[in-house]
Amino acid sequence: IKVDDKRDKAAPPFDGVKEQLKRYMVQKSQQDFVLKLREAAKVERVE
């Protein structure tokens, strides 16, 4: 890959991405919690 040009893009202001970050953190913590529960769970299949 040949890079011809680079542009610096400023990071968006925190207030602009605050809600998106909140949603991400909630989803991430829920996912981690579910994975932790699955690892600790004992599943027994009975026919």
ModelCIF file with pLDDT and N, C-alpha, C, O atoms, coordinates in Angstrom:
data_MODEL
#
_entry.id   MODEL 
#
_entity.id                         1 
_entity.type                       polymer 
_entity.pdbx_number_of_molecules   1 
#
_entity_poly.entity_id                      1 
_entity_poly.type                           'polypeptide(L)' 
_entity_poly.nstd_linkage                   no 
_entity_poly.nstd_monomer                   no 
_entity_poly.pdbx_seq_one_letter_code       IKVDDKRDKAAPPFDGVKEQLKRYMVQKSQQDFVLKLREAAKVERVE 
_entity_poly.pdbx_seq_one_letter_code_can   IKVDDKRDKAAPPFDGVKEQLKRYMVQKSQQDFVLKLREAAKVERVE 
_entity_poly.pdbx_strand_id                 A 
#
loop_
_entity_poly_seq.entity_id 
_entity_poly_seq.num 
_entity_poly_seq.mon_id 
_entity_poly_seq.hetero 
1 1  ILE n 
1 2  LYS n 
1 3  VAL n 
1 4  ASP n 
1 5  ASP n 
1 6  LYS n 
1 7  ARG n 
1 8  ASP n 
1 9  LYS n 
1 10 ALA n 
1 11 ALA n 
1 12 PRO n 
1 13 PRO n 
1 14 PHE n 
1 15 ASP n 
1 16 GLY n 
1 17 VAL n 
1 18 LYS n 
1 19 GLU n 
1 20 GLN n 
1 21 LEU n 
1 22 LYS n 
1 23 ARG n 
1 24 TYR n 
1 25 MET n 
1 26 VAL n 
1 27 GLN n 
1 28 LYS n 
1 29 SER n 
1 30 GLN n 
1 31 GLN n 
1 32 ASP n 
1 33 PHE n 
1 34 VAL n 
1 35 LEU n 
1 36 LYS n 
1 37 LEU n 
1 38 ARG n 
1 39 GLU n 
1 40 ALA n 
1 41 ALA n 
1 42 LYS n 
1 43 VAL n 
1 44 GLU n 
1 45 ARG n 
1 46 VAL n 
1 47 GLU n 
#
_struct_asym.id          A 
_struct_asym.entity_id   1 
#
loop_
_ma_qa_metric.id 
_ma_qa_metric.mode 
_ma_qa_metric.name 
_ma_qa_metric.software_group_id 
_ma_qa_metric.type 
1 global pLDDT . pLDDT 
2 local  pLDDT . pLDDT 
#
_ma_qa_metric_global.metric_id      1 
_ma_qa_metric_global.metric_value   91.94 
_ma_qa_metric_global.model_id       1 
_ma_qa_metric_global.ordinal_id     1 
#
loop_
_ma_qa_metric_local.label_asym_id 
_ma_qa_metric_local.label_comp_id 
_ma_qa_metric_local.label_seq_id 
_ma_qa_metric_local.metric_id 
_ma_qa_metric_local.metric_value 
_ma_qa_metric_local.model_id 
_ma_qa_metric_local.ordinal_id 
A ILE 1  2 91.00 1 1  
A LYS 2  2 92.00 1 2  
A VAL 3  2 90.00 1 3  
A ASP 4  2 90.00 1 4  
A ASP 5  2 89.00 1 5  
A LYS 6  2 87.00 1 6  
A ARG 7  2 85.00 1 7  
A ASP 8  2 87.00 1 8  
A LYS 9  2 87.00 1 9  
A ALA 10 2 88.00 1 10 
A ALA 11 2 88.00 1 11 
A PRO 12 2 90.00 1 12 
A PRO 13 2 93.00 1 13 
A PHE 14 2 92.00 1 14 
A ASP 15 2 92.00 1 15 
A GLY 16 2 91.00 1 16 
A VAL 17 2 94.00 1 17 
A LYS 18 2 94.00 1 18 
A GLU 19 2 94.00 1 19 
A GLN 20 2 95.00 1 20 
A LEU 21 2 95.00 1 21 
A LYS 22 2 96.00 1 22 
A ARG 23 2 96.00 1 23 
A TYR 24 2 96.00 1 24 
A MET 25 2 97.00 1 25 
A VAL 26 2 96.00 1 26 
A GLN 27 2 97.00 1 27 
A LYS 28 2 97.00 1 28 
A SER 29 2 96.00 1 29 
A GLN 30 2 97.00 1 30 
A GLN 31 2 97.00 1 31 
A ASP 32 2 96.00 1 32 
A PHE 33 2 96.00 1 33 
A VAL 34 2 95.00 1 34 
A LEU 35 2 94.00 1 35 
A LYS 36 2 95.00 1 36 
A LEU 37 2 94.00 1 37 
A ARG 38 2 91.00 1 38 
A GLU 39 2 92.00 1 39 
A ALA 40 2 93.00 1 40 
A ALA 41 2 90.00 1 41 
A LYS 42 2 88.00 1 42 
A VAL 43 2 82.00 1 43 
A GLU 44 2 86.00 1 44 
A ARG 45 2 86.00 1 45 
A VAL 46 2 86.00 1 46 
A GLU 47 2 88.00 1 47 
#
loop_
_atom_site.group_PDB 
_atom_site.id 
_atom_site.type_symbol 
_atom_site.label_atom_id 
_atom_site.label_alt_id 
_atom_site.label_comp_id 
_atom_site.label_asym_id 
_atom_site.label_entity_id 
_atom_site.label_seq_id 
_atom_site.pdbx_PDB_ins_code 
_atom_site.Cartn_x 
_atom_site.Cartn_y 
_atom_site.Cartn_z 
_atom_site.occupancy 
_atom_site.B_iso_or_equiv 
_atom_site.pdbx_formal_charge 
_atom_site.auth_seq_id 
_atom_site.auth_comp_id 
_atom_site.auth_asym_id 
_atom_site.auth_atom_id 
_atom_site.pdbx_PDB_model_num 
ATOM 1   N N  . ILE A 1 1  ? 0.855   -1.179  0.000  1.00 91.00 ? 1  ILE A N  1 
ATOM 2   C CA . ILE A 1 1  ? 0.000   0.000   0.000  1.00 91.00 ? 1  ILE A CA 1 
ATOM 3   C C  . ILE A 1 1  ? 0.890   1.228   0.000  1.00 91.00 ? 1  ILE A C  1 
ATOM 4   O O  . ILE A 1 1  ? 1.775   1.374   0.844  1.00 91.00 ? 1  ILE A O  1 
ATOM 5   N N  . LYS A 1 2  ? 0.643   2.105   -0.957 1.00 92.00 ? 2  LYS A N  1 
ATOM 6   C CA . LYS A 1 2  ? 1.404   3.334   -1.047 1.00 92.00 ? 2  LYS A CA 1 
ATOM 7   C C  . LYS A 1 2  ? 0.527   4.474   -0.522 1.00 92.00 ? 2  LYS A C  1 
ATOM 8   O O  . LYS A 1 2  ? -0.598  4.664   -0.984 1.00 92.00 ? 2  LYS A O  1 
ATOM 9   N N  . VAL A 1 3  ? 1.049   5.225   0.440  1.00 90.00 ? 3  VAL A N  1 
ATOM 10  C CA . VAL A 1 3  ? 0.328   6.352   1.014  1.00 90.00 ? 3  VAL A CA 1 
ATOM 11  C C  . VAL A 1 3  ? 0.720   7.598   0.239  1.00 90.00 ? 3  VAL A C  1 
ATOM 12  O O  . VAL A 1 3  ? 1.887   7.989   0.230  1.00 90.00 ? 3  VAL A O  1 
ATOM 13  N N  . ASP A 1 4  ? -0.262  8.225   -0.415 1.00 90.00 ? 4  ASP A N  1 
ATOM 14  C CA . ASP A 1 4  ? 0.002   9.438   -1.183 1.00 90.00 ? 4  ASP A CA 1 
ATOM 15  C C  . ASP A 1 4  ? -0.172  10.692  -0.335 1.00 90.00 ? 4  ASP A C  1 
ATOM 16  O O  . ASP A 1 4  ? 0.554   11.671  -0.508 1.00 90.00 ? 4  ASP A O  1 
ATOM 17  N N  . ASP A 1 5  ? -1.125  10.660  0.569  1.00 89.00 ? 5  ASP A N  1 
ATOM 18  C CA . ASP A 1 5  ? -1.433  11.866  1.322  1.00 89.00 ? 5  ASP A CA 1 
ATOM 19  C C  . ASP A 1 5  ? -2.043  11.452  2.655  1.00 89.00 ? 5  ASP A C  1 
ATOM 20  O O  . ASP A 1 5  ? -2.670  10.398  2.764  1.00 89.00 ? 5  ASP A O  1 
ATOM 21  N N  . LYS A 1 6  ? -1.856  12.274  3.642  1.00 87.00 ? 6  LYS A N  1 
ATOM 22  C CA . LYS A 1 6  ? -2.456  12.031  4.954  1.00 87.00 ? 6  LYS A CA 1 
ATOM 23  C C  . LYS A 1 6  ? -3.174  13.290  5.386  1.00 87.00 ? 6  LYS A C  1 
ATOM 24  O O  . LYS A 1 6  ? -2.685  14.400  5.177  1.00 87.00 ? 6  LYS A O  1 
ATOM 25  N N  . ARG A 1 7  ? -4.345  13.112  5.993  1.00 85.00 ? 7  ARG A N  1 
ATOM 26  C CA . ARG A 1 7  ? -5.102  14.245  6.522  1.00 85.00 ? 7  ARG A CA 1 
ATOM 27  C C  . ARG A 1 7  ? -5.297  14.038  8.011  1.00 85.00 ? 7  ARG A C  1 
ATOM 28  O O  . ARG A 1 7  ? -5.625  12.942  8.464  1.00 85.00 ? 7  ARG A O  1 
ATOM 29  N N  . ASP A 1 8  ? -5.097  15.083  8.748  1.00 87.00 ? 8  ASP A N  1 
ATOM 30  C CA . ASP A 1 8  ? -5.350  15.018  10.186 1.00 87.00 ? 8  ASP A CA 1 
ATOM 31  C C  . ASP A 1 8  ? -6.802  15.366  10.427 1.00 87.00 ? 8  ASP A C  1 
ATOM 32  O O  . ASP A 1 8  ? -7.298  16.396  9.971  1.00 87.00 ? 8  ASP A O  1 
ATOM 33  N N  . LYS A 1 9  ? -7.466  14.498  11.145 1.00 87.00 ? 9  LYS A N  1 
ATOM 34  C CA . LYS A 1 9  ? -8.870  14.733  11.453 1.00 87.00 ? 9  LYS A CA 1 
ATOM 35  C C  . LYS A 1 9  ? -8.963  14.903  12.962 1.00 87.00 ? 9  LYS A C  1 
ATOM 36  O O  . LYS A 1 9  ? -8.499  14.059  13.729 1.00 87.00 ? 9  LYS A O  1 
ATOM 37  N N  . ALA A 1 10 ? -9.563  15.998  13.368 1.00 88.00 ? 10 ALA A N  1 
ATOM 38  C CA . ALA A 1 10 ? -9.690  16.271  14.794 1.00 88.00 ? 10 ALA A CA 1 
ATOM 39  C C  . ALA A 1 10 ? -10.688 15.308  15.425 1.00 88.00 ? 10 ALA A C  1 
ATOM 40  O O  . ALA A 1 10 ? -11.669 14.904  14.802 1.00 88.00 ? 10 ALA A O  1 
ATOM 41  N N  . ALA A 1 11 ? -10.414 14.955  16.664 1.00 88.00 ? 11 ALA A N  1 
ATOM 42  C CA . ALA A 1 11 ? -11.340 14.087  17.392 1.00 88.00 ? 11 ALA A CA 1 
ATOM 43  C C  . ALA A 1 11 ? -12.627 14.861  17.644 1.00 88.00 ? 11 ALA A C  1 
ATOM 44  O O  . ALA A 1 11 ? -12.595 16.071  17.867 1.00 88.00 ? 11 ALA A O  1 
ATOM 45  N N  . PRO A 1 12 ? -13.768 14.159  17.608 1.00 90.00 ? 12 PRO A N  1 
ATOM 46  C CA . PRO A 1 12 ? -15.038 14.847  17.855 1.00 90.00 ? 12 PRO A CA 1 
ATOM 47  C C  . PRO A 1 12 ? -15.096 15.320  19.310 1.00 90.00 ? 12 PRO A C  1 
ATOM 48  O O  . PRO A 1 12 ? -14.446 14.738  20.178 1.00 90.00 ? 12 PRO A O  1 
ATOM 49  N N  . PRO A 1 13 ? -15.864 16.360  19.574 1.00 93.00 ? 13 PRO A N  1 
ATOM 50  C CA . PRO A 1 13 ? -15.978 16.838  20.954 1.00 93.00 ? 13 PRO A CA 1 
ATOM 51  C C  . PRO A 1 13 ? -16.665 15.782  21.829 1.00 93.00 ? 13 PRO A C  1 
ATOM 52  O O  . PRO A 1 13 ? -17.520 15.027  21.364 1.00 93.00 ? 13 PRO A O  1 
ATOM 53  N N  . PHE A 1 14 ? -16.271 15.751  23.098 1.00 92.00 ? 14 PHE A N  1 
ATOM 54  C CA . PHE A 1 14 ? -16.799 14.747  24.017 1.00 92.00 ? 14 PHE A CA 1 
ATOM 55  C C  . PHE A 1 14 ? -18.314 14.805  24.109 1.00 92.00 ? 14 PHE A C  1 
ATOM 56  O O  . PHE A 1 14 ? -18.974 13.767  24.131 1.00 92.00 ? 14 PHE A O  1 
ATOM 57  N N  . ASP A 1 15 ? -18.868 16.004  24.163 1.00 92.00 ? 15 ASP A N  1 
ATOM 58  C CA . ASP A 1 15 ? -20.324 16.132  24.270 1.00 92.00 ? 15 ASP A CA 1 
ATOM 59  C C  . ASP A 1 15 ? -21.036 15.516  23.066 1.00 92.00 ? 15 ASP A C  1 
ATOM 60  O O  . ASP A 1 15 ? -22.179 15.075  23.181 1.00 92.00 ? 15 ASP A O  1 
ATOM 61  N N  . GLY A 1 16 ? -20.367 15.486  21.920 1.00 91.00 ? 16 GLY A N  1 
ATOM 62  C CA . GLY A 1 16 ? -20.969 14.921  20.721 1.00 91.00 ? 16 GLY A CA 1 
ATOM 63  C C  . GLY A 1 16 ? -21.014 13.402  20.720 1.00 91.00 ? 16 GLY A C  1 
ATOM 64  O O  . GLY A 1 16 ? -21.848 12.808  20.037 1.00 91.00 ? 16 GLY A O  1 
ATOM 65  N N  . VAL A 1 17 ? -20.127 12.766  21.478 1.00 94.00 ? 17 VAL A N  1 
ATOM 66  C CA . VAL A 1 17 ? -20.074 11.302  21.480 1.00 94.00 ? 17 VAL A CA 1 
ATOM 67  C C  . VAL A 1 17 ? -20.392 10.711  22.856 1.00 94.00 ? 17 VAL A C  1 
ATOM 68  O O  . VAL A 1 17 ? -20.274 9.502   23.056 1.00 94.00 ? 17 VAL A O  1 
ATOM 69  N N  . LYS A 1 18 ? -20.788 11.546  23.785 1.00 94.00 ? 18 LYS A N  1 
ATOM 70  C CA . LYS A 1 18 ? -21.033 11.101  25.155 1.00 94.00 ? 18 LYS A CA 1 
ATOM 71  C C  . LYS A 1 18 ? -22.102 10.006  25.217 1.00 94.00 ? 18 LYS A C  1 
ATOM 72  O O  . LYS A 1 18 ? -21.891 8.979   25.863 1.00 94.00 ? 18 LYS A O  1 
ATOM 73  N N  . GLU A 1 19 ? -23.242 10.211  24.555 1.00 94.00 ? 19 GLU A N  1 
ATOM 74  C CA . GLU A 1 19 ? -24.323 9.221   24.584 1.00 94.00 ? 19 GLU A CA 1 
ATOM 75  C C  . GLU A 1 19 ? -23.900 7.915   23.912 1.00 94.00 ? 19 GLU A C  1 
ATOM 76  O O  . GLU A 1 19 ? -24.250 6.832   24.380 1.00 94.00 ? 19 GLU A O  1 
ATOM 77  N N  . GLN A 1 20 ? -23.158 8.017   22.828 1.00 95.00 ? 20 GLN A N  1 
ATOM 78  C CA . GLN A 1 20 ? -22.676 6.830   22.127 1.00 95.00 ? 20 GLN A CA 1 
ATOM 79  C C  . GLN A 1 20 ? -21.717 6.042   23.031 1.00 95.00 ? 20 GLN A C  1 
ATOM 80  O O  . GLN A 1 20 ? -21.770 4.813   23.064 1.00 95.00 ? 20 GLN A O  1 
ATOM 81  N N  . LEU A 1 21 ? -20.855 6.735   23.752 1.00 95.00 ? 21 LEU A N  1 
ATOM 82  C CA . LEU A 1 21 ? -19.943 6.074   24.676 1.00 95.00 ? 21 LEU A CA 1 
ATOM 83  C C  . LEU A 1 21 ? -20.694 5.406   25.821 1.00 95.00 ? 21 LEU A C  1 
ATOM 84  O O  . LEU A 1 21 ? -20.330 4.312   26.251 1.00 95.00 ? 21 LEU A O  1 
ATOM 85  N N  . LYS A 1 22 ? -21.735 6.058   26.314 1.00 96.00 ? 22 LYS A N  1 
ATOM 86  C CA . LYS A 1 22 ? -22.550 5.464   27.377 1.00 96.00 ? 22 LYS A CA 1 
ATOM 87  C C  . LYS A 1 22 ? -23.166 4.156   26.901 1.00 96.00 ? 22 LYS A C  1 
ATOM 88  O O  . LYS A 1 22 ? -23.092 3.141   27.595 1.00 96.00 ? 22 LYS A O  1 
ATOM 89  N N  . ARG A 1 23 ? -23.776 4.178   25.715 1.00 96.00 ? 23 ARG A N  1 
ATOM 90  C CA . ARG A 1 23 ? -24.405 2.961   25.178 1.00 96.00 ? 23 ARG A CA 1 
ATOM 91  C C  . ARG A 1 23 ? -23.377 1.843   25.013 1.00 96.00 ? 23 ARG A C  1 
ATOM 92  O O  . ARG A 1 23 ? -23.641 0.684   25.332 1.00 96.00 ? 23 ARG A O  1 
ATOM 93  N N  . TYR A 1 24 ? -22.203 2.213   24.509 1.00 96.00 ? 24 TYR A N  1 
ATOM 94  C CA . TYR A 1 24 ? -21.149 1.216   24.315 1.00 96.00 ? 24 TYR A CA 1 
ATOM 95  C C  . TYR A 1 24 ? -20.739 0.601   25.653 1.00 96.00 ? 24 TYR A C  1 
ATOM 96  O O  . TYR A 1 24 ? -20.593 -0.617  25.759 1.00 96.00 ? 24 TYR A O  1 
ATOM 97  N N  . MET A 1 25 ? -20.555 1.434   26.661 1.00 97.00 ? 25 MET A N  1 
ATOM 98  C CA . MET A 1 25 ? -20.120 0.934   27.961 1.00 97.00 ? 25 MET A CA 1 
ATOM 99  C C  . MET A 1 25 ? -21.185 0.039   28.600 1.00 97.00 ? 25 MET A C  1 
ATOM 100 O O  . MET A 1 25 ? -20.851 -0.968  29.224 1.00 97.00 ? 25 MET A O  1 
ATOM 101 N N  . VAL A 1 26 ? -22.447 0.394   28.449 1.00 96.00 ? 26 VAL A N  1 
ATOM 102 C CA . VAL A 1 26 ? -23.526 -0.438  28.993 1.00 96.00 ? 26 VAL A CA 1 
ATOM 103 C C  . VAL A 1 26 ? -23.551 -1.780  28.269 1.00 96.00 ? 26 VAL A C  1 
ATOM 104 O O  . VAL A 1 26 ? -23.634 -2.824  28.915 1.00 96.00 ? 26 VAL A O  1 
ATOM 105 N N  . GLN A 1 27 ? -23.480 -1.770  26.945 1.00 97.00 ? 27 GLN A N  1 
ATOM 106 C CA . GLN A 1 27 ? -23.496 -3.014  26.171 1.00 97.00 ? 27 GLN A CA 1 
ATOM 107 C C  . GLN A 1 27 ? -22.293 -3.887  26.522 1.00 97.00 ? 27 GLN A C  1 
ATOM 108 O O  . GLN A 1 27 ? -22.418 -5.104  26.664 1.00 97.00 ? 27 GLN A O  1 
ATOM 109 N N  . LYS A 1 28 ? -21.135 -3.258  26.657 1.00 97.00 ? 28 LYS A N  1 
ATOM 110 C CA . LYS A 1 28 ? -19.915 -3.996  26.977 1.00 97.00 ? 28 LYS A CA 1 
ATOM 111 C C  . LYS A 1 28 ? -20.017 -4.634  28.356 1.00 97.00 ? 28 LYS A C  1 
ATOM 112 O O  . LYS A 1 28 ? -19.646 -5.795  28.530 1.00 97.00 ? 28 LYS A O  1 
ATOM 113 N N  . SER A 1 29 ? -20.517 -3.888  29.337 1.00 96.00 ? 29 SER A N  1 
ATOM 114 C CA . SER A 1 29 ? -20.631 -4.451  30.681 1.00 96.00 ? 29 SER A CA 1 
ATOM 115 C C  . SER A 1 29 ? -21.666 -5.574  30.720 1.00 96.00 ? 29 SER A C  1 
ATOM 116 O O  . SER A 1 29 ? -21.472 -6.565  31.425 1.00 96.00 ? 29 SER A O  1 
ATOM 117 N N  . GLN A 1 30 ? -22.764 -5.434  29.971 1.00 97.00 ? 30 GLN A N  1 
ATOM 118 C CA . GLN A 1 30 ? -23.762 -6.504  29.903 1.00 97.00 ? 30 GLN A CA 1 
ATOM 119 C C  . GLN A 1 30 ? -23.175 -7.755  29.257 1.00 97.00 ? 30 GLN A C  1 
ATOM 120 O O  . GLN A 1 30 ? -23.398 -8.870  29.727 1.00 97.00 ? 30 GLN A O  1 
ATOM 121 N N  . GLN A 1 31 ? -22.432 -7.561  28.188 1.00 97.00 ? 31 GLN A N  1 
ATOM 122 C CA . GLN A 1 31 ? -21.815 -8.688  27.495 1.00 97.00 ? 31 GLN A CA 1 
ATOM 123 C C  . GLN A 1 31 ? -20.812 -9.394  28.419 1.00 97.00 ? 31 GLN A C  1 
ATOM 124 O O  . GLN A 1 31 ? -20.785 -10.623 28.480 1.00 97.00 ? 31 GLN A O  1 
ATOM 125 N N  . ASP A 1 32 ? -19.999 -8.625  29.128 1.00 96.00 ? 32 ASP A N  1 
ATOM 126 C CA . ASP A 1 32 ? -19.035 -9.217  30.055 1.00 96.00 ? 32 ASP A CA 1 
ATOM 127 C C  . ASP A 1 32 ? -19.738 -9.989  31.160 1.00 96.00 ? 32 ASP A C  1 
ATOM 128 O O  . ASP A 1 32 ? -19.286 -11.062 31.559 1.00 96.00 ? 32 ASP A O  1 
ATOM 129 N N  . PHE A 1 33 ? -20.849 -9.441  31.657 1.00 96.00 ? 33 PHE A N  1 
ATOM 130 C CA . PHE A 1 33 ? -21.605 -10.096 32.717 1.00 96.00 ? 33 PHE A CA 1 
ATOM 131 C C  . PHE A 1 33 ? -22.180 -11.419 32.231 1.00 96.00 ? 33 PHE A C  1 
ATOM 132 O O  . PHE A 1 33 ? -22.104 -12.424 32.939 1.00 96.00 ? 33 PHE A O  1 
ATOM 133 N N  . VAL A 1 34 ? -22.754 -11.430 31.030 1.00 95.00 ? 34 VAL A N  1 
ATOM 134 C CA . VAL A 1 34 ? -23.332 -12.659 30.475 1.00 95.00 ? 34 VAL A CA 1 
ATOM 135 C C  . VAL A 1 34 ? -22.241 -13.704 30.250 1.00 95.00 ? 34 VAL A C  1 
ATOM 136 O O  . VAL A 1 34 ? -22.446 -14.882 30.543 1.00 95.00 ? 34 VAL A O  1 
ATOM 137 N N  . LEU A 1 35 ? -21.091 -13.288 29.736 1.00 94.00 ? 35 LEU A N  1 
ATOM 138 C CA . LEU A 1 35 ? -19.991 -14.236 29.528 1.00 94.00 ? 35 LEU A CA 1 
ATOM 139 C C  . LEU A 1 35 ? -19.515 -14.820 30.856 1.00 94.00 ? 35 LEU A C  1 
ATOM 140 O O  . LEU A 1 35 ? -19.201 -16.007 30.943 1.00 94.00 ? 35 LEU A O  1 
ATOM 141 N N  . LYS A 1 36 ? -19.463 -13.988 31.880 1.00 95.00 ? 36 LYS A N  1 
ATOM 142 C CA . LYS A 1 36 ? -19.058 -14.455 33.209 1.00 95.00 ? 36 LYS A CA 1 
ATOM 143 C C  . LYS A 1 36 ? -20.070 -15.472 33.750 1.00 95.00 ? 36 LYS A C  1 
ATOM 144 O O  . LYS A 1 36 ? -19.684 -16.488 34.329 1.00 95.00 ? 36 LYS A O  1 
ATOM 145 N N  . LEU A 1 37 ? -21.359 -15.197 33.560 1.00 94.00 ? 37 LEU A N  1 
ATOM 146 C CA . LEU A 1 37 ? -22.395 -16.133 33.997 1.00 94.00 ? 37 LEU A CA 1 
ATOM 147 C C  . LEU A 1 37 ? -22.300 -17.458 33.244 1.00 94.00 ? 37 LEU A C  1 
ATOM 148 O O  . LEU A 1 37 ? -22.458 -18.526 33.835 1.00 94.00 ? 37 LEU A O  1 
ATOM 149 N N  . ARG A 1 38 ? -22.044 -17.385 31.952 1.00 91.00 ? 38 ARG A N  1 
ATOM 150 C CA . ARG A 1 38 ? -21.935 -18.610 31.152 1.00 91.00 ? 38 ARG A CA 1 
ATOM 151 C C  . ARG A 1 38 ? -20.762 -19.467 31.607 1.00 91.00 ? 38 ARG A C  1 
ATOM 152 O O  . ARG A 1 38 ? -20.867 -20.692 31.670 1.00 91.00 ? 38 ARG A O  1 
ATOM 153 N N  . GLU A 1 39 ? -19.639 -18.816 31.928 1.00 92.00 ? 39 GLU A N  1 
ATOM 154 C CA . GLU A 1 39 ? -18.467 -19.574 32.369 1.00 92.00 ? 39 GLU A CA 1 
ATOM 155 C C  . GLU A 1 39 ? -18.731 -20.255 33.705 1.00 92.00 ? 39 GLU A C  1 
ATOM 156 O O  . GLU A 1 39 ? -18.240 -21.359 33.942 1.00 92.00 ? 39 GLU A O  1 
ATOM 157 N N  . ALA A 1 40 ? -19.495 -19.615 34.577 1.00 93.00 ? 40 ALA A N  1 
ATOM 158 C CA . ALA A 1 40 ? -19.761 -20.160 35.905 1.00 93.00 ? 40 ALA A CA 1 
ATOM 159 C C  . ALA A 1 40 ? -20.942 -21.130 35.920 1.00 93.00 ? 40 ALA A C  1 
ATOM 160 O O  . ALA A 1 40 ? -21.145 -21.844 36.902 1.00 93.00 ? 40 ALA A O  1 
ATOM 161 N N  . ALA A 1 41 ? -21.710 -21.159 34.851 1.00 90.00 ? 41 ALA A N  1 
ATOM 162 C CA . ALA A 1 41 ? -22.925 -21.976 34.822 1.00 90.00 ? 41 ALA A CA 1 
ATOM 163 C C  . ALA A 1 41 ? -22.597 -23.452 34.650 1.00 90.00 ? 41 ALA A C  1 
ATOM 164 O O  . ALA A 1 41 ? -21.626 -23.829 33.994 1.00 90.00 ? 41 ALA A O  1 
ATOM 165 N N  . LYS A 1 42 ? -23.436 -24.263 35.256 1.00 88.00 ? 42 LYS A N  1 
ATOM 166 C CA . LYS A 1 42 ? -23.337 -25.707 35.069 1.00 88.00 ? 42 LYS A CA 1 
ATOM 167 C C  . LYS A 1 42 ? -24.593 -26.119 34.312 1.00 88.00 ? 42 LYS A C  1 
ATOM 168 O O  . LYS A 1 42 ? -25.705 -26.003 34.829 1.00 88.00 ? 42 LYS A O  1 
ATOM 169 N N  . VAL A 1 43 ? -24.412 -26.590 33.108 1.00 82.00 ? 43 VAL A N  1 
ATOM 170 C CA . VAL A 1 43 ? -25.543 -26.967 32.258 1.00 82.00 ? 43 VAL A CA 1 
ATOM 171 C C  . VAL A 1 43 ? -25.580 -28.483 32.174 1.00 82.00 ? 43 VAL A C  1 
ATOM 172 O O  . VAL A 1 43 ? -24.582 -29.133 31.863 1.00 82.00 ? 43 VAL A O  1 
ATOM 173 N N  . GLU A 1 44 ? -26.752 -29.027 32.459 1.00 86.00 ? 44 GLU A N  1 
ATOM 174 C CA . GLU A 1 44 ? -26.934 -30.467 32.400 1.00 86.00 ? 44 GLU A CA 1 
ATOM 175 C C  . GLU A 1 44 ? -28.102 -30.756 31.473 1.00 86.00 ? 44 GLU A C  1 
ATOM 176 O O  . GLU A 1 44 ? -29.205 -30.251 31.684 1.00 86.00 ? 44 GLU A O  1 
ATOM 177 N N  . ARG A 1 45 ? -27.871 -31.556 30.462 1.00 86.00 ? 45 ARG A N  1 
ATOM 178 C CA . ARG A 1 45 ? -28.935 -31.904 29.523 1.00 86.00 ? 45 ARG A CA 1 
ATOM 179 C C  . ARG A 1 45 ? -29.550 -33.222 29.945 1.00 86.00 ? 45 ARG A C  1 
ATOM 180 O O  . ARG A 1 45 ? -28.853 -34.207 30.186 1.00 86.00 ? 45 ARG A O  1 
ATOM 181 N N  . VAL A 1 46 ? -30.846 -33.219 30.027 1.00 86.00 ? 46 VAL A N  1 
ATOM 182 C CA . VAL A 1 46 ? -31.584 -34.422 30.399 1.00 86.00 ? 46 VAL A CA 1 
ATOM 183 C C  . VAL A 1 46 ? -32.537 -34.736 29.259 1.00 86.00 ? 46 VAL A C  1 
ATOM 184 O O  . VAL A 1 46 ? -33.341 -33.896 28.855 1.00 86.00 ? 46 VAL A O  1 
ATOM 185 N N  . GLU A 1 47 ? -32.440 -35.936 28.755 1.00 88.00 ? 47 GLU A N  1 
ATOM 186 C CA . GLU A 1 47 ? -33.324 -36.357 27.668 1.00 88.00 ? 47 GLU A CA 1 
ATOM 187 C C  . GLU A 1 47 ? -34.666 -36.761 28.264 1.00 88.00 ? 47 GLU A C  1 
ATOM 188 O O  . GLU A 1 47 ? -35.574 -37.153 27.531 1.00 88.00 ? 47 GLU A O  1 
#
